[in-house]
C-alpha atoms as a PDB file:
ATOM      1  CA  MET A   1       0.239   0.101   0.006  1.00  0.00           C
ATOM      2  CA  LEU A   2       2.878   2.349   1.126  1.00  0.00           C
ATOM      3  CA  LYS A   3       4.551   1.412  -2.498  1.00  0.00           C
ATOM      4  CA  ARG A   4       1.446   2.200  -4.129  1.00  0.00           C
ATOM      5  CA  GLN A   5       0.846   5.751  -2.612  1.00  0.00           C
ATOM      6  CA  ARG A   6       4.711   6.450  -2.963  1.00  0.00           C
ATOM      7  CA  SER A   7       3.916   5.788  -6.318  1.00  0.00           C
ATOM      8  CA  TRP A   8       1.019   8.167  -7.145  1.00  0.00           C
ATOM      9  CA  VAL A   9       3.265  10.781  -5.497  1.00  0.00           C
ATOM     10  CA  THR A  10       5.877  10.284  -7.889  1.00  0.00           C
ATOM     11  CA  MET A  11       3.415  10.405 -10.801  1.00  0.00           C
ATOM     12  CA  GLY A  12       1.921  13.747  -9.360  1.00  0.00           C
ATOM     13  CA  VAL A  13       4.703  15.157  -8.984  1.00  0.00           C
ATOM     14  CA  ALA A  14       6.084  14.785 -12.556  1.00  0.00           C
ATOM     15  CA  LEU A  15       2.403  15.958 -13.433  1.00  0.00           C
ATOM     16  CA  TRP A  16       2.942  19.293 -11.902  1.00  0.00           C
ATOM     17  CA  ALA A  17       6.629  19.658 -12.986  1.00  0.00           C
ATOM     18  CA  SER A  18       5.340  18.918 -16.487  1.00  0.00           C
ATOM     19  CA  ALA A  19       2.540  21.502 -16.347  1.00  0.00           C
ATOM     20  CA  TRP A  20       5.337  24.074 -14.824  1.00  0.00           C
ATOM     21  CA  ILE A  21       7.306  23.722 -17.864  1.00  0.00           C
ATOM     22  CA  ALA A  22       4.484  24.112 -20.448  1.00  0.00           C
ATOM     23  CA  LEU A  23       3.704  27.216 -18.758  1.00  0.00           C
ATOM     24  CA  ALA A  24       7.223  28.595 -18.362  1.00  0.00           C
ATOM     25  CA  CYS A  25       8.199  27.508 -21.728  1.00  0.00           C
ATOM     26  CA  PRO A  26       5.415  27.114 -24.510  1.00  0.00           C
ATOM     27  CA  ALA A  27       7.317  27.624 -27.278  1.00  0.00           C
ATOM     28  CA  ARG A  28      10.465  25.283 -26.684  1.00  0.00           C
ATOM     29  CA  LEU A  29       7.675  22.917 -26.430  1.00  0.00           C
ATOM     30  CA  ARG A  30       5.506  23.449 -29.255  1.00  0.00           C
ATOM     31  CA  ALA A  31       7.335  22.068 -32.647  1.00  0.00           C
ATOM     32  CA  ASP A  32       7.037  24.187 -35.700  1.00  0.00           C
ATOM     33  CA  GLN A  33       4.099  24.298 -37.653  1.00  0.00           C
ATOM     34  CA  LEU A  34       5.192  25.098 -40.910  1.00  0.00           C
ATOM     35  CA  PRO A  35       6.871  22.075 -41.833  1.00  0.00           C
ATOM     36  CA  SER A  36       4.232  19.581 -41.601  1.00  0.00           C
ATOM     37  CA  GLU A  37       2.234  22.235 -43.203  1.00  0.00           C
ATOM     38  CA  ALA A  38       4.537  22.396 -46.079  1.00  0.00           C
ATOM     39  CA  LEU A  39       4.357  18.560 -46.755  1.00  0.00           C
ATOM     40  CA  ASN A  40       0.794  19.339 -47.342  1.00  0.00           C
ATOM     41  CA  THR A  41       0.640  22.569 -49.086  1.00  0.00           C
ATOM     42  CA  PHE A  42       2.900  23.148 -51.583  1.00  0.00           C
ATOM     43  CA  PRO A  43       2.747  21.561 -54.852  1.00  0.00           C
ATOM     44  CA  ALA A  44       4.828  18.009 -55.725  1.00  0.00           C
ATOM     45  CA  ASP A  45       6.878  19.461 -58.439  1.00  0.00           C
ATOM     46  CA  THR A  46       8.497  22.219 -55.590  1.00  0.00           C
ATOM     47  CA  LEU A  47      12.024  22.023 -55.856  1.00  0.00           C
ATOM     48  CA  GLN A  48      13.436  24.099 -53.001  1.00  0.00           C
ATOM     49  CA  VAL A  49      11.804  25.574 -49.495  1.00  0.00           C
ATOM     50  CA  ALA A  50      13.706  28.129 -47.227  1.00  0.00           C
ATOM     51  CA  PHE A  51      12.029  27.919 -43.524  1.00  0.00           C
ATOM     52  CA  THR A  52      12.940  30.576 -41.360  1.00  0.00           C
ATOM     53  CA  ASN A  53      11.438  30.458 -37.403  1.00  0.00           C
ATOM     54  CA  LEU A  54      11.241  34.182 -37.378  1.00  0.00           C
ATOM     55  CA  ALA A  55      10.047  33.930 -33.520  1.00  0.00           C
ATOM     56  CA  ASP A  56      13.367  32.566 -32.767  1.00  0.00           C
ATOM     57  CA  LEU A  57      15.314  34.923 -34.098  1.00  0.00           C
ATOM     58  CA  ARG A  58      13.896  38.054 -33.096  1.00  0.00           C
ATOM     59  CA  SER A  59      16.116  38.706 -30.176  1.00  0.00           C
ATOM     60  CA  SER A  60      19.390  37.563 -32.202  1.00  0.00           C
ATOM     61  CA  SER A  61      21.822  40.991 -33.121  1.00  0.00           C
ATOM     62  CA  ALA A  62      21.943  39.641 -36.795  1.00  0.00           C
ATOM     63  CA  TYR A  63      18.006  39.849 -36.791  1.00  0.00           C
ATOM     64  CA  PRO A  64      18.247  42.699 -39.182  1.00  0.00           C
ATOM     65  CA  GLN A  65      20.603  40.755 -41.436  1.00  0.00           C
ATOM     66  CA  ILE A  66      18.293  37.476 -41.596  1.00  0.00           C
ATOM     67  CA  ARG A  67      15.234  39.402 -42.285  1.00  0.00           C
ATOM     68  CA  GLN A  68      17.459  40.661 -45.425  1.00  0.00           C
ATOM     69  CA  ARG A  69      18.255  37.499 -46.503  1.00  0.00           C
ATOM     70  CA  ILE A  70      14.810  35.993 -46.753  1.00  0.00           C
ATOM     71  CA  LEU A  71      12.528  39.012 -47.967  1.00  0.00           C
ATOM     72  CA  SER A  72      12.648  40.609 -51.115  1.00  0.00           C
ATOM     73  CA  HIS A  73      11.909  44.014 -52.259  1.00  0.00           C
ATOM     74  CA  GLN A  74       8.310  42.683 -52.891  1.00  0.00           C
ATOM     75  CA  LEU A  75       7.878  41.004 -50.135  1.00  0.00           C
ATOM     76  CA  HIS A  76       9.343  44.069 -48.097  1.00  0.00           C
ATOM     77  CA  ALA A  77       6.362  45.928 -49.958  1.00  0.00           C
ATOM     78  CA  PHE A  78       3.497  43.112 -49.131  1.00  0.00           C
ATOM     79  CA  GLU A  79       4.513  43.659 -45.817  1.00  0.00           C
ATOM     80  CA  ASP A  80       3.813  47.115 -45.920  1.00  0.00           C
ATOM     81  CA  PHE A  81       0.603  46.346 -47.768  1.00  0.00           C
ATOM     82  CA  LEU A  82      -0.665  44.244 -45.029  1.00  0.00           C
ATOM     83  CA  ARG A  83       0.074  46.910 -41.844  1.00  0.00           C
ATOM     84  CA  PRO A  84      -3.200  49.240 -42.504  1.00  0.00           C
ATOM     85  CA  MET A  85      -5.408  45.872 -42.329  1.00  0.00           C
ATOM     86  CA  GLY A  86      -3.646  45.305 -38.565  1.00  0.00           C
ATOM     87  CA  ILE A  87      -0.935  42.679 -39.252  1.00  0.00           C
ATOM     88  CA  ASP A  88       2.347  43.485 -38.236  1.00  0.00           C
ATOM     89  CA  PRO A  89       4.875  41.178 -39.776  1.00  0.00           C
ATOM     90  CA  ASP A  90       7.310  41.703 -37.415  1.00  0.00           C
ATOM     91  CA  LYS A  91       5.033  40.854 -34.166  1.00  0.00           C
ATOM     92  CA  ASP A  92       2.067  38.798 -35.794  1.00  0.00           C
ATOM     93  CA  VAL A  93       4.208  35.909 -38.004  1.00  0.00           C
ATOM     94  CA  ASP A  94       6.270  33.506 -36.237  1.00  0.00           C
ATOM     95  CA  GLU A  95       7.661  31.507 -38.749  1.00  0.00           C
ATOM     96  CA  VAL A  96       7.862  31.478 -42.867  1.00  0.00           C
ATOM     97  CA  MET A  97       8.592  28.902 -45.561  1.00  0.00           C
ATOM     98  CA  LEU A  98       9.075  29.865 -49.230  1.00  0.00           C
ATOM     99  CA  GLY A  99       8.984  27.275 -51.977  1.00  0.00           C
ATOM    100  CA  TRP A 100      10.141  27.240 -55.599  1.00  0.00           C
ATOM    101  CA  ARG A 101       8.658  25.477 -58.204  1.00  0.00           C
ATOM    102  CA  GLY A 102      11.909  26.297 -60.302  1.00  0.00           C
ATOM    103  CA  GLU A 103      15.212  25.614 -60.481  1.00  0.00           C
ATOM    104  CA  VAL A 104      17.127  28.842 -59.686  1.00  0.00           C
ATOM    105  CA  MET A 105      15.980  30.854 -56.129  1.00  0.00           C
ATOM    106  CA  GLY A 106      14.916  34.932 -57.241  1.00  0.00           C
ATOM    107  CA  PRO A 107      12.792  37.698 -56.356  1.00  0.00           C
ATOM    108  CA  SER A 108       9.907  36.204 -57.940  1.00  0.00           C
ATOM    109  CA  GLY A 109       8.540  32.804 -58.761  1.00  0.00           C
ATOM    110  CA  TYR A 110       8.201  31.561 -55.746  1.00  0.00           C
ATOM    111  CA  LEU A 111       5.276  30.538 -53.202  1.00  0.00           C
ATOM    112  CA  GLY A 112       5.121  30.787 -49.204  1.00  0.00           C
ATOM    113  CA  LEU A 113       3.143  29.944 -46.145  1.00  0.00           C
ATOM    114  CA  ALA A 114       3.042  32.030 -42.965  1.00  0.00           C
ATOM    115  CA  ALA A 115       2.071  31.382 -39.215  1.00  0.00           C
ATOM    116  CA  GLY A 116       1.070  33.470 -36.678  1.00  0.00           C
ATOM    117  CA  ARG A 117      -1.959  35.086 -35.479  1.00  0.00           C
ATOM    118  CA  PHE A 118      -4.242  36.677 -38.314  1.00  0.00           C
ATOM    119  CA  GLN A 119      -7.956  37.745 -39.003  1.00  0.00           C
ATOM    120  CA  PRO A 120      -9.426  36.678 -41.957  1.00  0.00           C
ATOM    121  CA  ASP A 121     -12.773  38.552 -41.007  1.00  0.00           C
ATOM    122  CA  LEU A 122     -11.229  41.899 -41.111  1.00  0.00           C
ATOM    123  CA  ILE A 123      -9.161  41.551 -44.502  1.00  0.00           C
ATOM    124  CA  GLN A 124     -12.371  40.873 -45.614  1.00  0.00           C
ATOM    125  CA  LYS A 125     -13.847  43.774 -44.485  1.00  0.00           C
ATOM    126  CA  TYR A 126     -11.098  45.881 -45.629  1.00  0.00           C
ATOM    127  CA  PHE A 127     -11.007  44.390 -48.998  1.00  0.00           C
ATOM    128  CA  GLU A 128     -14.626  45.132 -49.531  1.00  0.00           C
ATOM    129  CA  GLN A 129     -14.504  48.791 -48.078  1.00  0.00           C
ATOM    130  CA  THR A 130     -11.386  49.665 -50.301  1.00  0.00           C
ATOM    131  CA  SER A 131     -12.789  47.497 -53.262  1.00  0.00           C
ATOM    132  CA  LEU A 132      -9.436  45.852 -54.099  1.00  0.00           C
ATOM    133  CA  PRO A 133      -9.132  42.745 -56.240  1.00  0.00           C
ATOM    134  CA  VAL A 134     -10.453  39.545 -54.961  1.00  0.00           C
ATOM    135  CA  ARG A 135     -10.996  36.360 -56.495  1.00  0.00           C
ATOM    136  CA  GLN A 136     -12.879  32.849 -55.485  1.00  0.00           C
ATOM    137  CA  TYR A 137     -11.289  29.587 -55.975  1.00  0.00           C
ATOM    138  CA  ASN A 138     -12.553  26.671 -54.628  1.00  0.00           C
ATOM    139  CA  GLY A 139     -13.877  27.866 -51.709  1.00  0.00           C
ATOM    140  CA  ALA A 140     -11.219  30.426 -50.680  1.00  0.00           C
ATOM    141  CA  SER A 141     -10.545  33.813 -51.074  1.00  0.00           C
ATOM    142  CA  LEU A 142      -7.501  34.853 -53.053  1.00  0.00           C
ATOM    143  CA  TYR A 143      -6.702  38.772 -52.309  1.00  0.00           C
ATOM    144  CA  ALA A 144      -4.320  40.535 -54.578  1.00  0.00           C
ATOM    145  CA  PHE A 145      -1.196  42.491 -53.575  1.00  0.00           C
ATOM    146  CA  GLY A 146      -1.454  45.150 -56.948  1.00  0.00           C
ATOM    147  CA  SER A 147      -4.015  44.915 -59.597  1.00  0.00           C
ATOM    148  CA  GLY A 148      -4.113  41.189 -59.592  1.00  0.00           C
ATOM    149  CA  THR A 149      -3.821  41.079 -63.685  1.00  0.00           C
ATOM    150  CA  ASP A 150      -0.046  41.534 -63.931  1.00  0.00           C
ATOM    151  CA  PRO A 151       1.657  37.792 -63.616  1.00  0.00           C
ATOM    152  CA  ASP A 152       3.971  38.455 -61.396  1.00  0.00           C
ATOM    153  CA  ASP A 153       1.153  39.805 -58.503  1.00  0.00           C
ATOM    154  CA  LEU A 154       1.074  38.317 -55.587  1.00  0.00           C
ATOM    155  CA  PHE A 155      -2.189  36.513 -54.093  1.00  0.00           C
ATOM    156  CA  PHE A 156      -2.598  35.921 -50.678  1.00  0.00           C
ATOM    157  CA  THR A 157      -5.221  33.651 -48.662  1.00  0.00           C
ATOM    158  CA  PHE A 158      -5.692  32.167 -45.288  1.00  0.00           C
ATOM    159  CA  PHE A 159      -6.713  28.546 -44.365  1.00  0.00           C
ATOM    160  CA  ASP A 160      -7.379  29.804 -40.719  1.00  0.00           C
ATOM    161  CA  ASN A 161      -6.515  32.028 -38.329  1.00  0.00           C
ATOM    162  CA  THR A 162      -2.882  30.671 -37.821  1.00  0.00           C
ATOM    163  CA  VAL A 163      -1.862  29.727 -41.599  1.00  0.00           C
ATOM    164  CA  ALA A 164      -1.927  32.119 -44.177  1.00  0.00           C
ATOM    165  CA  GLY A 165      -0.473  31.233 -47.990  1.00  0.00           C
ATOM    166  CA  PHE A 166       1.204  33.471 -50.389  1.00  0.00           C
ATOM    167  CA  GLY A 167       2.390  33.542 -53.874  1.00  0.00           C
ATOM    168  CA  ARG A 168       1.460  34.395 -57.719  1.00  0.00           C
ATOM    169  CA  LEU A 169      -1.915  33.281 -58.726  1.00  0.00           C
ATOM    170  CA  ALA A 170      -0.996  30.146 -60.766  1.00  0.00           C
ATOM    171  CA  ASP A 171       1.475  29.028 -57.649  1.00  0.00           C
ATOM    172  CA  LEU A 172      -1.503  29.833 -55.180  1.00  0.00           C
ATOM    173  CA  LYS A 173      -4.053  27.904 -56.762  1.00  0.00           C
ATOM    174  CA  ALA A 174      -1.834  24.537 -57.218  1.00  0.00           C
ATOM    175  CA  MET A 175      -1.496  25.123 -53.371  1.00  0.00           C
ATOM    176  CA  ILE A 176      -5.138  25.167 -53.184  1.00  0.00           C
ATOM    177  CA  ASP A 177      -5.199  22.289 -55.358  1.00  0.00           C
ATOM    178  CA  ALA A 178      -2.586  19.995 -53.002  1.00  0.00           C
ATOM    179  CA  ARG A 179      -3.981  21.064 -49.798  1.00  0.00           C
ATOM    180  CA  GLN A 180      -7.524  19.764 -51.100  1.00  0.00           C
ATOM    181  CA  GLY A 181      -6.407  16.594 -52.703  1.00  0.00           C
ATOM    182  CA  VAL A 182      -7.165  17.694 -55.965  1.00  0.00           C
ATOM    183  CA  ALA A 183      -3.128  17.272 -57.081  1.00  0.00           C
ATOM    184  CA  ASN A 184      -0.417  15.870 -55.421  1.00  0.00           C
ATOM    185  CA  ALA A 185       1.319  17.825 -52.387  1.00  0.00           C
ATOM    186  CA  LEU A 186       5.201  17.439 -51.982  1.00  0.00           C
ATOM    187  CA  ASN A 187       4.154  14.840 -49.224  1.00  0.00           C
ATOM    188  CA  SER A 188       4.066  12.450 -51.840  1.00  0.00           C
ATOM    189  CA  ASN A 189       7.674  12.704 -52.365  1.00  0.00           C
ATOM    190  CA  ASN A 190       9.128  10.218 -49.946  1.00  0.00           C
ATOM    191  CA  ASP A 191      13.005  11.649 -50.182  1.00  0.00           C
ATOM    192  CA  TYR A 192      11.048  15.114 -49.387  1.00  0.00           C
ATOM    193  CA  VAL A 193       9.518  13.541 -46.820  1.00  0.00           C
ATOM    194  CA  GLY A 194      12.855  12.211 -45.358  1.00  0.00           C
ATOM    195  CA  TRP A 195      14.913  15.158 -45.623  1.00  0.00           C
ATOM    196  CA  GLN A 196      11.949  17.836 -44.058  1.00  0.00           C
ATOM    197  CA  GLY A 197      11.987  15.485 -41.065  1.00  0.00           C
ATOM    198  CA  GLU A 198      15.547  15.088 -40.845  1.00  0.00           C
ATOM    199  CA  LEU A 199      15.552  19.006 -40.820  1.00  0.00           C
ATOM    200  CA  ASP A 200      12.610  19.799 -38.527  1.00  0.00           C
ATOM    201  CA  GLY A 201      13.525  21.456 -35.240  1.00  0.00           C
ATOM    202  CA  SER A 202      17.447  21.097 -36.338  1.00  0.00           C
ATOM    203  CA  ALA A 203      18.011  25.005 -36.462  1.00  0.00           C
ATOM    204  CA  PRO A 204      15.597  27.931 -36.921  1.00  0.00           C
ATOM    205  CA  GLN A 205      16.723  28.520 -40.304  1.00  0.00           C
ATOM    206  CA  TRP A 206      17.144  25.627 -42.608  1.00  0.00           C
ATOM    207  CA  GLY A 207      16.511  24.551 -46.552  1.00  0.00           C
ATOM    208  CA  ILE A 208      16.342  22.238 -49.520  1.00  0.00           C
ATOM    209  CA  LEU A 209      17.455  22.090 -52.662  1.00  0.00           C
ATOM    210  CA  ASN A 210      16.676  19.496 -54.744  1.00  0.00           C
ATOM    211  CA  GLY A 211      17.760  17.877 -57.872  1.00  0.00           C
ATOM    212  CA  LYS A 212      18.938  20.178 -60.554  1.00  0.00           C
ATOM    213  CA  SER A 213      18.767  22.929 -58.303  1.00  0.00           C
ATOM    214  CA  ALA A 214      21.334  21.568 -56.137  1.00  0.00           C
ATOM    215  CA  ALA A 215      23.228  20.631 -58.742  1.00  0.00           C
ATOM    216  CA  ASN A 216      23.136  24.026 -59.729  1.00  0.00           C
ATOM    217  CA  LEU A 217      24.365  25.683 -56.703  1.00  0.00           C
ATOM    218  CA  ALA A 218      27.301  23.288 -56.678  1.00  0.00           C
ATOM    219  CA  GLY A 219      28.038  24.385 -59.750  1.00  0.00           C
ATOM    220  CA  LEU A 220      28.231  28.219 -59.139  1.00  0.00           C
ATOM    221  CA  TRP A 221      30.364  27.071 -55.779  1.00  0.00           C
ATOM    222  CA  LEU A 222      33.124  25.794 -58.899  1.00  0.00           C
ATOM    223  CA  ALA A 223      32.585  28.077 -61.855  1.00  0.00           C
ATOM    224  CA  PRO A 224      34.286  30.964 -60.459  1.00  0.00           C
ATOM    225  CA  PHE A 225      37.383  29.159 -59.944  1.00  0.00           C
ATOM    226  CA  GLY A 226      37.951  28.234 -63.565  1.00  0.00           C
ATOM    227  CA  GLN A 227      36.768  24.253 -63.065  1.00  0.00           C
ATOM    228  CA  LYS A 228      35.579  24.530 -66.704  1.00  0.00           C
ATOM    229  CA  THR A 229      35.981  20.863 -67.401  1.00  0.00           C
ATOM    230  CA  ILE A 230      33.345  19.973 -64.960  1.00  0.00           C
ATOM    231  CA  ASP A 231      30.083  18.928 -66.739  1.00  0.00           C
ATOM    232  CA  LEU A 232      27.416  20.720 -65.086  1.00  0.00           C
ATOM    233  CA  THR A 233      24.361  17.533 -66.722  1.00  0.00           C
ATOM    234  CA  SER A 234      26.917  15.483 -65.269  1.00  0.00           C
ATOM    235  CA  LEU A 235      26.955  16.644 -61.777  1.00  0.00           C
ATOM    236  CA  ALA A 236      22.834  17.374 -61.753  1.00  0.00           C
ATOM    237  CA  HIS A 237      22.602  13.496 -62.203  1.00  0.00           C
ATOM    238  CA  SER A 238      25.020  12.892 -59.400  1.00  0.00           C
ATOM    239  CA  VAL A 239      23.680  15.390 -56.717  1.00  0.00           C
ATOM    240  CA  LYS A 240      20.502  14.483 -55.073  1.00  0.00           C
ATOM    241  CA  ALA A 241      19.761  17.285 -52.939  1.00  0.00           C
ATOM    242  CA  LEU A 242      21.233  19.758 -51.195  1.00  0.00           C
ATOM    243  CA  LEU A 243      20.237  20.665 -47.109  1.00  0.00           C
ATOM    244  CA  TYR A 244      21.309  23.062 -45.129  1.00  0.00           C
ATOM    245  CA  ARG A 245      20.582  24.535 -41.437  1.00  0.00           C
ATOM    246  CA  VAL A 246      21.822  27.450 -40.372  1.00  0.00           C
ATOM    247  CA  GLN A 247      22.354  28.654 -36.468  1.00  0.00           C
ATOM    248  CA  TRP A 248      22.630  32.355 -35.499  1.00  0.00           C
ATOM    249  CA  ASP A 249      24.272  34.142 -32.967  1.00  0.00           C
ATOM    250  CA  THR A 250      26.080  37.740 -33.174  1.00  0.00           C
ATOM    251  CA  GLY A 251      27.457  35.365 -36.804  1.00  0.00           C
ATOM    252  CA  PHE A 252      26.124  32.205 -38.541  1.00  0.00           C
ATOM    253  CA  SER A 253      27.215  29.005 -38.341  1.00  0.00           C
ATOM    254  CA  THR A 254      25.702  25.962 -41.022  1.00  0.00           C
ATOM    255  CA  GLN A 255      25.940  22.624 -41.490  1.00  0.00           C
ATOM    256  CA  LEU A 256      25.283  21.723 -45.414  1.00  0.00           C
ATOM    257  CA  THR A 257      24.679  17.937 -46.544  1.00  0.00           C
ATOM    258  CA  MET A 258      25.189  17.467 -50.030  1.00  0.00           C
ATOM    259  CA  VAL A 259      23.318  14.065 -50.279  1.00  0.00           C
ATOM    260  CA  CYS A 260      25.010  12.384 -53.834  1.00  0.00           C
ATOM    261  CA  ASP A 261      24.123   9.147 -55.677  1.00  0.00           C
ATOM    262  CA  LYS A 262      26.944   7.092 -54.445  1.00  0.00           C
ATOM    263  CA  PRO A 263      29.761   6.982 -52.074  1.00  0.00           C
ATOM    264  CA  GLU A 264      32.444   7.697 -54.943  1.00  0.00           C
ATOM    265  CA  THR A 265      30.348  10.979 -55.637  1.00  0.00           C
ATOM    266  CA  ALA A 266      31.056  12.155 -52.205  1.00  0.00           C
ATOM    267  CA  SER A 267      34.720  11.860 -52.465  1.00  0.00           C
ATOM    268  CA  GLY A 268      35.103  13.335 -55.868  1.00  0.00           C
ATOM    269  CA  PHE A 269      33.841  16.187 -54.193  1.00  0.00           C
ATOM    270  CA  ALA A 270      35.522  16.426 -50.966  1.00  0.00           C
ATOM    271  CA  GLY A 271      38.940  15.866 -52.978  1.00  0.00           C
ATOM    272  CA  LEU A 272      38.135  18.930 -55.305  1.00  0.00           C
ATOM    273  CA  LEU A 273      37.652  21.273 -52.195  1.00  0.00           C
ATOM    274  CA  THR A 274      40.818  19.740 -50.692  1.00  0.00           C
ATOM    275  CA  LEU A 275      42.572  20.963 -53.874  1.00  0.00           C
ATOM    276  CA  LEU A 276      41.119  24.452 -54.468  1.00  0.00           C
ATOM    277  CA  GLN A 277      42.045  24.731 -50.453  1.00  0.00           C
ATOM    278  CA  ARG A 278      45.298  24.145 -50.714  1.00  0.00           C
ATOM    279  CA  SER A 279      45.922  26.731 -53.388  1.00  0.00           C
ATOM    280  CA  ALA A 280      48.212  29.721 -51.388  1.00  0.00           C
ATOM    281  CA  PRO A 281      45.985  32.132 -49.717  1.00  0.00           C
ATOM    282  CA  GLY A 282      45.205  35.058 -52.305  1.00  0.00           C
ATOM    283  CA  SER A 283      46.054  32.941 -55.296  1.00  0.00           C
ATOM    284  CA  THR A 284      43.892  32.939 -58.044  1.00  0.00           C
ATOM    285  CA  THR A 285      42.678  30.015 -60.501  1.00  0.00           C
ATOM    286  CA  GLY A 286      41.506  31.392 -63.731  1.00  0.00           C
ATOM    287  CA  GLY A 287      41.613  34.937 -62.533  1.00  0.00           C
ATOM    288  CA  ALA A 288      38.931  34.096 -59.539  1.00  0.00           C
ATOM    289  CA  THR A 289      40.014  34.300 -55.762  1.00  0.00           C
ATOM    290  CA  LEU A 290      38.542  31.416 -53.499  1.00  0.00           C
ATOM    291  CA  PRO A 291      36.193  32.932 -51.608  1.00  0.00           C
ATOM    292  CA  PRO A 292      37.253  33.564 -47.519  1.00  0.00           C
ATOM    293  CA  ILE A 293      33.937  31.110 -46.541  1.00  0.00           C
ATOM    294  CA  LEU A 294      35.759  28.310 -48.451  1.00  0.00           C
ATOM    295  CA  GLN A 295      38.898  27.953 -47.600  1.00  0.00           C
ATOM    296  CA  SER A 296      37.898  27.420 -44.267  1.00  0.00           C
ATOM    297  CA  ILE A 297      35.398  25.082 -44.704  1.00  0.00           C
ATOM    298  CA  GLN A 298      35.240  21.830 -42.994  1.00  0.00           C
ATOM    299  CA  ALA A 299      34.410  19.131 -44.810  1.00  0.00           C
ATOM    300  CA  HIS A 300      33.981  15.169 -44.332  1.00  0.00           C
ATOM    301  CA  VAL A 301      32.596  12.402 -46.048  1.00  0.00           C
ATOM    302  CA  ASP A 302      29.832   9.868 -44.906  1.00  0.00           C
ATOM    303  CA  GLY A 303      28.776   7.596 -47.334  1.00  0.00           C
ATOM    304  CA  ALA A 304      26.978   9.018 -50.542  1.00  0.00           C
ATOM    305  CA  ARG A 305      26.844  12.450 -48.278  1.00  0.00           C
ATOM    306  CA  LEU A 306      29.561  15.183 -47.982  1.00  0.00           C
ATOM    307  CA  GLU A 307      28.763  17.112 -44.753  1.00  0.00           C
ATOM    308  CA  LEU A 308      30.165  20.585 -45.450  1.00  0.00           C
ATOM    309  CA  ASP A 309      30.708  23.005 -41.889  1.00  0.00           C
ATOM    310  CA  ALA A 310      31.480  26.769 -42.169  1.00  0.00           C
ATOM    311  CA  SER A 311      31.009  29.667 -39.725  1.00  0.00           C
ATOM    312  CA  GLY A 312      31.684  33.624 -39.549  1.00  0.00           C
ATOM    313  CA  PRO A 313      29.859  36.868 -39.997  1.00  0.00           C
ATOM    314  CA  PRO A 314      26.565  37.424 -41.403  1.00  0.00           C
ATOM    315  CA  GLU A 315      27.683  38.845 -44.950  1.00  0.00           C
ATOM    316  CA  LEU A 316      29.806  35.547 -45.625  1.00  0.00           C
ATOM    317  CA  LEU A 317      26.642  33.541 -45.880  1.00  0.00           C
ATOM    318  CA  ASP A 318      25.931  34.610 -49.231  1.00  0.00           C
ATOM    319  CA  GLN A 319      29.049  32.880 -50.630  1.00  0.00           C
ATOM    320  CA  ILE A 320      27.709  29.567 -50.300  1.00  0.00           C
ATOM    321  CA  LEU A 321      23.880  30.046 -50.082  1.00  0.00           C
ATOM    322  CA  PRO A 322      21.351  31.778 -52.194  1.00  0.00           C
ATOM    323  CA  ARG A 323      19.394  34.749 -50.562  1.00  0.00           C
ATOM    324  CA  GLY A 324      15.795  33.193 -49.637  1.00  0.00           C
ATOM    325  CA  GLY A 325      13.789  36.172 -51.482  1.00  0.00           C
ATOM    326  CA  ASN A 326      16.665  37.997 -53.556  1.00  0.00           C
END
C-alpha cells in the first residue's frame, strides 16, 4: 500500500513539473508548425524550400541581416501593404516557409506559407471597403497585392486563423489544389519527406534544394574558380539534394549536406574542395579568388553524403547559400 502511495506521489510530482514547464516555456515545447503544413500544401513539383523561425530569431543581434536574407523588395512591400489591415509581420508572423517550383531561387516565382496570428474577417472587410481585387477559387478568397492582372502579382489567402498562403495566382491555386487533395502535394515525394523530417526542429533556419537546383548551386561554387572541365549535366545527375541548416548568434554557423548518388561522388567533391583549399591564400585560378568562406569550410564524407561546416559574419553566408527571397 505504501509503495502504491509513493507511486501516486511520484506521478503527481511529474505531472506538476510537466505542467509548470509547459506554462513557463510554451514556445520550446511546440514543434515548428509550417514544415508539416508545407508538405501538405506545396505542390509536388516544388524543388526548393527555405524555412525561417522568426520568433526564435527576433532576439538575435543579426536579426536585421536575417530578415534581409529572406525578404525581397516585393515581400517588404507586401509587409507594408498588410499593416493597415491590422497585420504587423514583425509581431504577428512567427514562421515563414518559401518554396520555388523552378530550379533557381529568385525575387519572383516563389510561393509561401506564414504561421502566426491573423484575422481573416478583418482582411475581408478591408478589401470590401477599399474595392481591392479579390478572386474566389475552390471556396477560398484570394486577395491581390497589386492590380491582380500582372502575372507576377502576389495573391494571399488564409487557410485558418494561424496559417496564410501567398504567391503568384497560379502557384496559390496549385497550393489550394494540393491542400484539398485535388493534386499531389509535396508529401507524395518520399525523399523530400525524409529530408524535411531530418531538418525539422534542427535549426531556426534551414532549407532543401532538390535535384537539378542543388547541382546548379554546386556548379556556382565551382564555376568562378576556373573549373571549366566540370560537366554540369553530369553534376545534375550525381547530386540528389543539398540540405542546409543555419544557427545564428552575432554571426552564423551552418551545416550543409550534399546528398550524392554514390559514395564515390561525395569523395570526388571532397577531393576537389581540398585541392582548392590548398591553393596559396590570395592566389587565383582562372582569374578568380577562392572566397574566404570556402577557404575555411570543414568537410568530411559520410557514405554518399558530403558534410560541410562553416561559420562567419552574416555577409559571408551569401557566398555559399542563395538569399531566400533575393
